[in-house]
Amino acid sequence: RADGSSFPAEYWSYPIHRDGKVTGAVVTFLNITRRKQQADFTSLQARRAEALLELPPASEQLDETAFVRRGLEFAEELTGSKIAFLHLVDDNEETIELVTWSHRTLKNYCQDVYNKHYPVDQAGIWVDAIYQHKPVVFNDYPNYPHKRGLPEGHAELKRLISLPVNENGKVVMLAGVGNKETDYTDLDVETMQLISNEIWRILQRRHSLDKITRFNRVLEQSQNEIYIFDSETLHFVDVNLGARTNLGYSMEELRNLTPLDLKVEFTADSFAKLIEPLKSGVK
């Protein structure tokens, strides 16, 4: 265009014949900006879906930090960014903990040597997402009037998306990407939110499974006899090693038994009265 901007086009060229010779051509151009935007959007949707499907198996193959970095790499790729980071936020939203930066960030922008725990009120403008409980976008960071500076040795920051993951009305995680060559859009924010929410969901699932594993290990190794049974059918659900050893039954055998099979002095009625406070929650 006359102003120096450009647009994608499709064109057709038809020769002009005169006296058996080609003396010119008629060329027709069609602006295909909308078509290309739609094709790009469809491609992005497909890649986003692939990334969201790849994250769960990645979490099973990688340790937590490596898994988060894999998620940040997806965020960088899908938003055209060169920087990505992820922080966890404490319950009071007063302290943040750096989990990791992406590989590209560590290689080209930052070194993983800064304090990993620091107060929110001492952090940069990316924590505005915590205060506002919504994504913030800075497409002209150098000229933003309220920026609070960067750590010493940090490379230049041009653009930034910082967004929160909210749970039960609190910000629990903060993630961001930066330095895209062009301005960030609402679609970039949406993409980043999808990836961040999925990372948080998987991290929570990992933490829950770890807690369950540790709890089960404690129960299993306890010297006390511990019995867990279904309150309706009374069939045993789990019995720890100490109890199984004393009884001489395997867990497979116990799943077909009830406390009444082991404590023959109880009738169904007397045992129901015994456990009624447990079922009703009355101490």
C-alpha atoms as a PDB file:
ATOM      1  CA  ARG A   1       0.000   0.000   0.000  1.00  0.00           C
ATOM      2  CA  ALA A   2       1.002   3.668  -0.309  1.00  0.00           C
ATOM      3  CA  ASP A   3       1.534   3.862   3.463  1.00  0.00           C
ATOM      4  CA  GLY A   4       4.059   1.013   3.361  1.00  0.00           C
ATOM      5  CA  SER A   5       1.768  -1.633   4.863  1.00  0.00           C
ATOM      6  CA  SER A   6       1.079  -4.880   3.044  1.00  0.00           C
ATOM      7  CA  PHE A   7      -1.565  -7.578   2.884  1.00  0.00           C
ATOM      8  CA  PRO A   8      -1.682 -11.172   1.642  1.00  0.00           C
ATOM      9  CA  ALA A   9      -3.120 -11.475  -1.860  1.00  0.00           C
ATOM     10  CA  GLU A  10      -4.089 -14.018  -4.443  1.00  0.00           C
ATOM     11  CA  TYR A  11      -3.782 -13.006  -8.100  1.00  0.00           C
ATOM     12  CA  TRP A  12      -4.670 -14.145 -11.594  1.00  0.00           C
ATOM     13  CA  SER A  13      -2.816 -13.101 -14.751  1.00  0.00           C
ATOM     14  CA  TYR A  14      -4.326 -13.199 -18.252  1.00  0.00           C
ATOM     15  CA  PRO A  15      -2.245 -12.419 -21.377  1.00  0.00           C
ATOM     16  CA  ILE A  16      -3.304  -9.796 -23.916  1.00  0.00           C
ATOM     17  CA  HIS A  17      -2.722 -10.947 -27.491  1.00  0.00           C
ATOM     18  CA  ARG A  18      -2.350  -8.689 -30.510  1.00  0.00           C
ATOM     19  CA  ASP A  19      -1.322  -9.838 -33.966  1.00  0.00           C
ATOM     20  CA  GLY A  20      -0.340 -13.213 -32.550  1.00  0.00           C
ATOM     21  CA  LYS A  21       1.916 -11.741 -29.918  1.00  0.00           C
ATOM     22  CA  VAL A  22       1.544 -11.218 -26.175  1.00  0.00           C
ATOM     23  CA  THR A  23       1.572  -7.462 -25.742  1.00  0.00           C
ATOM     24  CA  GLY A  24       0.490  -7.211 -22.125  1.00  0.00           C
ATOM     25  CA  ALA A  25      -1.465  -8.803 -19.336  1.00  0.00           C
ATOM     26  CA  VAL A  26      -4.497  -8.229 -17.163  1.00  0.00           C
ATOM     27  CA  VAL A  27      -3.705  -8.972 -13.518  1.00  0.00           C
ATOM     28  CA  THR A  28      -6.421  -9.236 -10.868  1.00  0.00           C
ATOM     29  CA  PHE A  29      -5.538  -9.168  -7.154  1.00  0.00           C
ATOM     30  CA  LEU A  30      -7.758 -10.397  -4.312  1.00  0.00           C
ATOM     31  CA  ASN A  31      -7.107  -9.408  -0.700  1.00  0.00           C
ATOM     32  CA  ILE A  32      -7.194 -12.700   1.242  1.00  0.00           C
ATOM     33  CA  THR A  33      -6.486 -11.239   4.682  1.00  0.00           C
ATOM     34  CA  ARG A  34      -9.673 -12.672   6.221  1.00  0.00           C
ATOM     35  CA  ARG A  35      -9.151 -16.062   4.628  1.00  0.00           C
ATOM     36  CA  LYS A  36      -5.590 -16.212   5.922  1.00  0.00           C
ATOM     37  CA  GLN A  37      -6.683 -15.082   9.395  1.00  0.00           C
ATOM     38  CA  GLN A  38      -9.290 -17.842   9.471  1.00  0.00           C
ATOM     39  CA  ALA A  39      -6.729 -20.415   8.307  1.00  0.00           C
ATOM     40  CA  ASP A  40      -4.258 -19.217  10.944  1.00  0.00           C
ATOM     41  CA  PHE A  41      -6.955 -19.377  13.636  1.00  0.00           C
ATOM     42  CA  THR A  42      -7.944 -22.907  12.634  1.00  0.00           C
ATOM     43  CA  SER A  43      -4.296 -23.958  12.707  1.00  0.00           C
ATOM     44  CA  LEU A  44      -3.830 -22.383  16.145  1.00  0.00           C
ATOM     45  CA  GLN A  45      -6.897 -24.164  17.518  1.00  0.00           C
ATOM     46  CA  ALA A  46      -5.537 -27.477  16.277  1.00  0.00           C
ATOM     47  CA  ARG A  47      -2.095 -26.843  17.786  1.00  0.00           C
ATOM     48  CA  ARG A  48      -3.620 -25.724  21.081  1.00  0.00           C
ATOM     49  CA  ALA A  49      -5.657 -28.920  21.242  1.00  0.00           C
ATOM     50  CA  GLU A  50      -2.515 -30.961  20.548  1.00  0.00           C
ATOM     51  CA  ALA A  51      -0.623 -29.140  23.298  1.00  0.00           C
ATOM     52  CA  LEU A  52      -3.397 -29.694  25.856  1.00  0.00           C
ATOM     53  CA  LEU A  53      -3.441 -33.390  24.965  1.00  0.00           C
ATOM     54  CA  GLU A  54       0.347 -33.656  25.224  1.00  0.00           C
ATOM     55  CA  LEU A  55       0.582 -32.126  28.704  1.00  0.00           C
ATOM     56  CA  PRO A  56      -0.919 -35.014  30.760  1.00  0.00           C
ATOM     57  CA  PRO A  57       1.429 -37.725  29.396  1.00  0.00           C
ATOM     58  CA  ALA A  58       4.350 -35.291  29.705  1.00  0.00           C
ATOM     59  CA  SER A  59       3.581 -34.917  33.417  1.00  0.00           C
ATOM     60  CA  GLU A  60       3.971 -38.678  33.849  1.00  0.00           C
ATOM     61  CA  GLN A  61       7.360 -38.764  32.132  1.00  0.00           C
ATOM     62  CA  LEU A  62       8.992 -35.612  33.559  1.00  0.00           C
ATOM     63  CA  ASP A  63       9.716 -34.251  37.012  1.00  0.00           C
ATOM     64  CA  GLU A  64       7.702 -31.234  38.091  1.00  0.00           C
ATOM     65  CA  THR A  65      10.106 -28.514  36.949  1.00  0.00           C
ATOM     66  CA  ALA A  66      10.723 -30.157  33.569  1.00  0.00           C
ATOM     67  CA  PHE A  67       6.978 -30.588  33.099  1.00  0.00           C
ATOM     68  CA  VAL A  68       6.308 -26.900  33.818  1.00  0.00           C
ATOM     69  CA  ARG A  69       9.042 -25.914  31.364  1.00  0.00           C
ATOM     70  CA  ARG A  70       7.417 -28.100  28.723  1.00  0.00           C
ATOM     71  CA  GLY A  71       4.143 -26.280  29.293  1.00  0.00           C
ATOM     72  CA  LEU A  72       5.899 -22.919  29.050  1.00  0.00           C
ATOM     73  CA  GLU A  73       7.465 -23.986  25.752  1.00  0.00           C
ATOM     74  CA  PHE A  74       3.968 -24.634  24.406  1.00  0.00           C
ATOM     75  CA  ALA A  75       2.889 -21.171  25.599  1.00  0.00           C
ATOM     76  CA  GLU A  76       5.881 -19.547  23.905  1.00  0.00           C
ATOM     77  CA  GLU A  77       5.299 -21.383  20.648  1.00  0.00           C
ATOM     78  CA  LEU A  78       1.579 -20.700  20.473  1.00  0.00           C
ATOM     79  CA  THR A  79       1.900 -16.992  21.269  1.00  0.00           C
ATOM     80  CA  GLY A  80       5.082 -16.324  19.299  1.00  0.00           C
ATOM     81  CA  SER A  81       6.909 -15.316  22.494  1.00  0.00           C
ATOM     82  CA  LYS A  82      10.569 -15.472  23.515  1.00  0.00           C
ATOM     83  CA  ILE A  83      10.151 -15.418  27.303  1.00  0.00           C
ATOM     84  CA  ALA A  84       7.949 -17.492  29.605  1.00  0.00           C
ATOM     85  CA  PHE A  85       7.775 -17.872  33.383  1.00  0.00           C
ATOM     86  CA  LEU A  86       5.602 -19.397  36.088  1.00  0.00           C
ATOM     87  CA  HIS A  87       5.195 -18.493  39.778  1.00  0.00           C
ATOM     88  CA  LEU A  88       3.168 -20.017  42.586  1.00  0.00           C
ATOM     89  CA  VAL A  89       1.304 -17.629  44.881  1.00  0.00           C
ATOM     90  CA  ASP A  90       0.879 -18.172  48.626  1.00  0.00           C
ATOM     91  CA  ASP A  91      -2.537 -18.369  50.302  1.00  0.00           C
ATOM     92  CA  ASN A  92      -2.473 -14.707  51.344  1.00  0.00           C
ATOM     93  CA  GLU A  93      -1.403 -13.502  47.893  1.00  0.00           C
ATOM     94  CA  GLU A  94       1.536 -11.752  49.560  1.00  0.00           C
ATOM     95  CA  THR A  95       4.453 -13.937  48.476  1.00  0.00           C
ATOM     96  CA  ILE A  96       5.322 -15.546  45.154  1.00  0.00           C
ATOM     97  CA  GLU A  97       7.645 -18.439  44.426  1.00  0.00           C
ATOM     98  CA  LEU A  98       9.396 -18.775  41.089  1.00  0.00           C
ATOM     99  CA  VAL A  99       8.894 -22.315  39.792  1.00  0.00           C
ATOM    100  CA  THR A 100      10.892 -21.878  36.612  1.00  0.00           C
ATOM    101  CA  TRP A 101      11.514 -19.960  33.425  1.00  0.00           C
ATOM    102  CA  SER A 102      11.411 -21.607  30.042  1.00  0.00           C
ATOM    103  CA  HIS A 103      14.602 -23.033  28.513  1.00  0.00           C
ATOM    104  CA  ARG A 104      14.744 -20.161  26.005  1.00  0.00           C
ATOM    105  CA  THR A 105      14.426 -17.580  28.762  1.00  0.00           C
ATOM    106  CA  LEU A 106      17.228 -19.156  30.782  1.00  0.00           C
ATOM    107  CA  LYS A 107      19.454 -19.409  27.724  1.00  0.00           C
ATOM    108  CA  ASN A 108      18.921 -15.959  26.218  1.00  0.00           C
ATOM    109  CA  TYR A 109      17.463 -13.659  28.870  1.00  0.00           C
ATOM    110  CA  CYS A 110      17.889 -14.680  32.499  1.00  0.00           C
ATOM    111  CA  GLN A 111      20.062 -16.848  34.670  1.00  0.00           C
ATOM    112  CA  ASP A 112      18.360 -18.978  37.312  1.00  0.00           C
ATOM    113  CA  VAL A 113      20.180 -17.292  40.199  1.00  0.00           C
ATOM    114  CA  TYR A 114      17.667 -14.827  41.628  1.00  0.00           C
ATOM    115  CA  ASN A 115      15.742 -15.289  44.860  1.00  0.00           C
ATOM    116  CA  LYS A 116      12.909 -17.689  44.229  1.00  0.00           C
ATOM    117  CA  HIS A 117      10.765 -16.419  47.103  1.00  0.00           C
ATOM    118  CA  TYR A 118       9.953 -12.732  47.407  1.00  0.00           C
ATOM    119  CA  PRO A 119       7.077 -10.448  48.488  1.00  0.00           C
ATOM    120  CA  VAL A 120       4.529  -9.502  45.882  1.00  0.00           C
ATOM    121  CA  ASP A 121       4.964  -5.799  46.670  1.00  0.00           C
ATOM    122  CA  GLN A 122       8.633  -6.036  45.641  1.00  0.00           C
ATOM    123  CA  ALA A 123       7.970  -7.745  42.302  1.00  0.00           C
ATOM    124  CA  GLY A 124       7.668  -6.229  38.844  1.00  0.00           C
ATOM    125  CA  ILE A 125       4.548  -5.150  37.012  1.00  0.00           C
ATOM    126  CA  TRP A 126       3.629  -8.724  36.153  1.00  0.00           C
ATOM    127  CA  VAL A 127       2.133  -9.035  39.671  1.00  0.00           C
ATOM    128  CA  ASP A 128      -0.534  -6.513  38.667  1.00  0.00           C
ATOM    129  CA  ALA A 129      -2.397  -9.637  37.524  1.00  0.00           C
ATOM    130  CA  ILE A 130      -2.548 -10.712  41.175  1.00  0.00           C
ATOM    131  CA  TYR A 131      -3.904  -7.364  42.352  1.00  0.00           C
ATOM    132  CA  GLN A 132      -6.503  -7.259  39.583  1.00  0.00           C
ATOM    133  CA  HIS A 133      -7.299 -10.999  39.507  1.00  0.00           C
ATOM    134  CA  LYS A 134      -7.269 -10.871  35.724  1.00  0.00           C
ATOM    135  CA  PRO A 135      -4.759 -10.914  32.843  1.00  0.00           C
ATOM    136  CA  VAL A 136      -2.698  -7.798  32.181  1.00  0.00           C
ATOM    137  CA  VAL A 137      -1.049  -6.982  28.843  1.00  0.00           C
ATOM    138  CA  PHE A 138       1.790  -4.528  28.244  1.00  0.00           C
ATOM    139  CA  ASN A 139       2.499  -4.019  24.553  1.00  0.00           C
ATOM    140  CA  ASP A 140       4.875  -1.101  25.138  1.00  0.00           C
ATOM    141  CA  TYR A 141       6.752  -2.009  28.296  1.00  0.00           C
ATOM    142  CA  PRO A 142       9.672   0.459  27.827  1.00  0.00           C
ATOM    143  CA  ASN A 143       7.267   3.407  27.885  1.00  0.00           C
ATOM    144  CA  TYR A 144       4.903   2.090  30.572  1.00  0.00           C
ATOM    145  CA  PRO A 145       4.907   4.795  33.270  1.00  0.00           C
ATOM    146  CA  HIS A 146       4.487   2.543  36.334  1.00  0.00           C
ATOM    147  CA  LYS A 147       7.000  -0.225  35.664  1.00  0.00           C
ATOM    148  CA  ARG A 148       9.092  -1.140  38.691  1.00  0.00           C
ATOM    149  CA  GLY A 149      12.286  -2.247  36.977  1.00  0.00           C
ATOM    150  CA  LEU A 150      13.877  -5.618  36.277  1.00  0.00           C
ATOM    151  CA  PRO A 151      16.487  -7.684  38.144  1.00  0.00           C
ATOM    152  CA  GLU A 152      20.103  -6.795  37.373  1.00  0.00           C
ATOM    153  CA  GLY A 153      21.316  -8.639  34.286  1.00  0.00           C
ATOM    154  CA  HIS A 154      17.829  -9.200  32.904  1.00  0.00           C
ATOM    155  CA  ALA A 155      17.571  -8.551  29.170  1.00  0.00           C
ATOM    156  CA  GLU A 156      15.302  -5.897  27.672  1.00  0.00           C
ATOM    157  CA  LEU A 157      11.578  -6.495  28.003  1.00  0.00           C
ATOM    158  CA  LYS A 158       9.416  -5.189  25.157  1.00  0.00           C
ATOM    159  CA  ARG A 159       5.994  -6.810  25.579  1.00  0.00           C
ATOM    160  CA  LEU A 160       4.378  -8.919  28.264  1.00  0.00           C
ATOM    161  CA  ILE A 161       1.290 -10.959  29.150  1.00  0.00           C
ATOM    162  CA  SER A 162       0.895 -11.835  32.814  1.00  0.00           C
ATOM    163  CA  LEU A 163      -2.162 -13.733  33.949  1.00  0.00           C
ATOM    164  CA  PRO A 164      -3.449 -15.421  37.092  1.00  0.00           C
ATOM    165  CA  VAL A 165      -4.919 -18.836  37.682  1.00  0.00           C
ATOM    166  CA  ASN A 166      -7.741 -18.325  40.176  1.00  0.00           C
ATOM    167  CA  GLU A 167      -9.191 -20.912  42.534  1.00  0.00           C
ATOM    168  CA  ASN A 168     -11.878 -20.290  45.147  1.00  0.00           C
ATOM    169  CA  GLY A 169     -11.545 -16.540  44.684  1.00  0.00           C
ATOM    170  CA  LYS A 170      -7.768 -16.472  45.178  1.00  0.00           C
ATOM    171  CA  VAL A 171      -4.830 -16.287  42.799  1.00  0.00           C
ATOM    172  CA  VAL A 172      -2.872 -19.526  43.174  1.00  0.00           C
ATOM    173  CA  MET A 173      -0.517 -19.300  40.204  1.00  0.00           C
ATOM    174  CA  LEU A 174       0.902 -16.592  37.978  1.00  0.00           C
ATOM    175  CA  ALA A 175       2.185 -17.270  34.457  1.00  0.00           C
ATOM    176  CA  GLY A 176       3.453 -15.050  31.709  1.00  0.00           C
ATOM    177  CA  VAL A 177       5.046 -14.739  28.292  1.00  0.00           C
ATOM    178  CA  GLY A 178       6.924 -11.864  26.718  1.00  0.00           C
ATOM    179  CA  ASN A 179       8.753 -10.259  23.805  1.00  0.00           C
ATOM    180  CA  LYS A 180       6.522 -11.243  20.926  1.00  0.00           C
ATOM    181  CA  GLU A 181       7.592  -9.395  17.777  1.00  0.00           C
ATOM    182  CA  THR A 182       4.124  -7.856  17.372  1.00  0.00           C
ATOM    183  CA  ASP A 183       1.478  -6.743  19.869  1.00  0.00           C
ATOM    184  CA  TYR A 184      -0.225  -9.368  21.971  1.00  0.00           C
ATOM    185  CA  THR A 185      -3.905  -9.952  21.203  1.00  0.00           C
ATOM    186  CA  ASP A 186      -6.930 -11.276  23.064  1.00  0.00           C
ATOM    187  CA  LEU A 187      -6.331 -14.587  21.308  1.00  0.00           C
ATOM    188  CA  ASP A 188      -2.834 -14.753  22.810  1.00  0.00           C
ATOM    189  CA  VAL A 189      -4.313 -14.137  26.259  1.00  0.00           C
ATOM    190  CA  GLU A 190      -6.902 -16.879  25.713  1.00  0.00           C
ATOM    191  CA  THR A 191      -4.205 -19.309  24.589  1.00  0.00           C
ATOM    192  CA  MET A 192      -2.010 -18.512  27.571  1.00  0.00           C
ATOM    193  CA  GLN A 193      -4.936 -18.942  29.970  1.00  0.00           C
ATOM    194  CA  LEU A 194      -5.812 -22.370  28.549  1.00  0.00           C
ATOM    195  CA  ILE A 195      -2.240 -23.624  28.892  1.00  0.00           C
ATOM    196  CA  SER A 196      -1.833 -22.149  32.390  1.00  0.00           C
ATOM    197  CA  ASN A 197      -5.098 -23.611  33.682  1.00  0.00           C
ATOM    198  CA  GLU A 198      -4.103 -27.050  32.416  1.00  0.00           C
ATOM    199  CA  ILE A 199      -0.642 -26.819  33.997  1.00  0.00           C
ATOM    200  CA  TRP A 200      -2.255 -25.928  37.339  1.00  0.00           C
ATOM    201  CA  ARG A 201      -4.802 -28.742  37.097  1.00  0.00           C
ATOM    202  CA  ILE A 202      -2.082 -31.301  36.424  1.00  0.00           C
ATOM    203  CA  LEU A 203       0.175 -29.954  39.179  1.00  0.00           C
ATOM    204  CA  GLN A 204      -2.674 -30.214  41.679  1.00  0.00           C
ATOM    205  CA  ARG A 205      -3.407 -33.760  40.576  1.00  0.00           C
ATOM    206  CA  ARG A 206       0.274 -34.685  40.989  1.00  0.00           C
ATOM    207  CA  HIS A 207       0.375 -33.174  44.462  1.00  0.00           C
ATOM    208  CA  SER A 208      -2.830 -34.971  45.469  1.00  0.00           C
ATOM    209  CA  LEU A 209      -1.524 -38.311  44.226  1.00  0.00           C
ATOM    210  CA  ASP A 210       1.749 -37.765  46.098  1.00  0.00           C
ATOM    211  CA  LYS A 211      -0.164 -37.057  49.314  1.00  0.00           C
ATOM    212  CA  ILE A 212      -2.323 -40.140  48.843  1.00  0.00           C
ATOM    213  CA  THR A 213       0.745 -42.288  48.200  1.00  0.00           C
ATOM    214  CA  ARG A 214       2.483 -41.012  51.344  1.00  0.00           C
ATOM    215  CA  PHE A 215      -0.678 -41.437  53.423  1.00  0.00           C
ATOM    216  CA  ASN A 216      -1.220 -44.985  52.176  1.00  0.00           C
ATOM    217  CA  ARG A 217       2.413 -45.819  52.927  1.00  0.00           C
ATOM    218  CA  VAL A 218       1.989 -44.604  56.516  1.00  0.00           C
ATOM    219  CA  LEU A 219      -1.217 -46.606  56.949  1.00  0.00           C
ATOM    220  CA  GLU A 220       0.290 -49.716  55.434  1.00  0.00           C
ATOM    221  CA  GLN A 221       3.356 -49.648  57.679  1.00  0.00           C
ATOM    222  CA  SER A 222       1.459 -48.750  60.864  1.00  0.00           C
ATOM    223  CA  GLN A 223       1.775 -51.300  63.664  1.00  0.00           C
ATOM    224  CA  ASN A 224      -1.871 -50.670  64.555  1.00  0.00           C
ATOM    225  CA  GLU A 225      -4.546 -52.715  62.816  1.00  0.00           C
ATOM    226  CA  ILE A 226      -6.460 -50.474  60.421  1.00  0.00           C
ATOM    227  CA  TYR A 227      -9.652 -51.586  58.668  1.00  0.00           C
ATOM    228  CA  ILE A 228     -11.566 -49.587  56.060  1.00  0.00           C
ATOM    229  CA  PHE A 229     -14.952 -50.913  54.979  1.00  0.00           C
ATOM    230  CA  ASP A 230     -17.946 -49.755  52.952  1.00  0.00           C
ATOM    231  CA  SER A 231     -20.587 -48.265  55.249  1.00  0.00           C
ATOM    232  CA  GLU A 232     -23.446 -49.797  53.256  1.00  0.00           C
ATOM    233  CA  THR A 233     -22.259 -53.268  52.258  1.00  0.00           C
ATOM    234  CA  LEU A 234     -19.728 -53.581  55.135  1.00  0.00           C
ATOM    235  CA  HIS A 235     -17.270 -55.254  52.744  1.00  0.00           C
ATOM    236  CA  PHE A 236     -13.645 -54.396  53.450  1.00  0.00           C
ATOM    237  CA  VAL A 237     -12.136 -51.808  51.089  1.00  0.00           C
ATOM    238  CA  ASP A 238      -8.624 -51.809  52.565  1.00  0.00           C
ATOM    239  CA  VAL A 239      -6.862 -53.490  55.458  1.00  0.00           C
ATOM    240  CA  ASN A 240      -3.298 -52.616  56.364  1.00  0.00           C
ATOM    241  CA  LEU A 241      -0.355 -55.029  56.542  1.00  0.00           C
ATOM    242  CA  GLY A 242      -0.386 -55.328  60.327  1.00  0.00           C
ATOM    243  CA  ALA A 243      -4.020 -56.438  60.383  1.00  0.00           C
ATOM    244  CA  ARG A 244      -3.587 -58.828  57.433  1.00  0.00           C
ATOM    245  CA  THR A 245      -0.582 -60.434  59.118  1.00  0.00           C
ATOM    246  CA  ASN A 246      -2.456 -60.950  62.390  1.00  0.00           C
ATOM    247  CA  LEU A 247      -5.552 -62.313  60.645  1.00  0.00           C
ATOM    248  CA  GLY A 248      -3.766 -64.506  58.124  1.00  0.00           C
ATOM    249  CA  TYR A 249      -5.993 -63.328  55.256  1.00  0.00           C
ATOM    250  CA  SER A 250      -4.906 -61.813  51.967  1.00  0.00           C
ATOM    251  CA  MET A 251      -6.447 -58.547  50.791  1.00  0.00           C
ATOM    252  CA  GLU A 252      -8.261 -60.421  48.015  1.00  0.00           C
ATOM    253  CA  GLU A 253      -9.882 -62.700  50.603  1.00  0.00           C
ATOM    254  CA  LEU A 254     -10.789 -59.810  52.905  1.00  0.00           C
ATOM    255  CA  ARG A 255     -12.652 -57.970  50.139  1.00  0.00           C
ATOM    256  CA  ASN A 256     -15.226 -60.761  50.253  1.00  0.00           C
ATOM    257  CA  LEU A 257     -15.607 -60.519  54.042  1.00  0.00           C
ATOM    258  CA  THR A 258     -17.187 -58.048  56.466  1.00  0.00           C
ATOM    259  CA  PRO A 259     -16.452 -57.170  60.123  1.00  0.00           C
ATOM    260  CA  LEU A 260     -19.290 -59.516  61.069  1.00  0.00           C
ATOM    261  CA  ASP A 261     -17.283 -62.430  59.632  1.00  0.00           C
ATOM    262  CA  LEU A 262     -14.368 -61.581  61.903  1.00  0.00           C
ATOM    263  CA  LYS A 263     -16.286 -60.556  65.038  1.00  0.00           C
ATOM    264  CA  VAL A 264     -18.887 -63.265  65.334  1.00  0.00           C
ATOM    265  CA  GLU A 265     -20.146 -61.905  68.647  1.00  0.00           C
ATOM    266  CA  PHE A 266     -21.812 -59.056  66.743  1.00  0.00           C
ATOM    267  CA  THR A 267     -25.146 -59.336  65.039  1.00  0.00           C
ATOM    268  CA  ALA A 268     -26.060 -57.142  62.110  1.00  0.00           C
ATOM    269  CA  ASP A 269     -28.234 -54.987  64.370  1.00  0.00           C
ATOM    270  CA  SER A 270     -25.686 -54.600  67.176  1.00  0.00           C
ATOM    271  CA  PHE A 271     -22.915 -53.692  64.725  1.00  0.00           C
ATOM    272  CA  ALA A 272     -25.187 -51.173  62.987  1.00  0.00           C
ATOM    273  CA  LYS A 273     -25.771 -49.471  66.353  1.00  0.00           C
ATOM    274  CA  LEU A 274     -22.011 -49.472  67.010  1.00  0.00           C
ATOM    275  CA  ILE A 275     -21.122 -47.647  63.807  1.00  0.00           C
ATOM    276  CA  GLU A 276     -24.172 -45.351  63.648  1.00  0.00           C
ATOM    277  CA  PRO A 277     -22.287 -42.441  65.319  1.00  0.00           C
ATOM    278  CA  LEU A 278     -19.565 -42.766  62.671  1.00  0.00           C
ATOM    279  CA  LYS A 279     -22.108 -42.665  59.841  1.00  0.00           C
ATOM    280  CA  SER A 280     -24.058 -39.747  61.298  1.00  0.00           C
ATOM    281  CA  GLY A 281     -20.995 -37.760  62.309  1.00  0.00           C
ATOM    282  CA  VAL A 282     -22.006 -37.645  65.966  1.00  0.00           C
ATOM    283  CA  LYS A 283     -19.044 -37.864  68.349  1.00  0.00           C
END
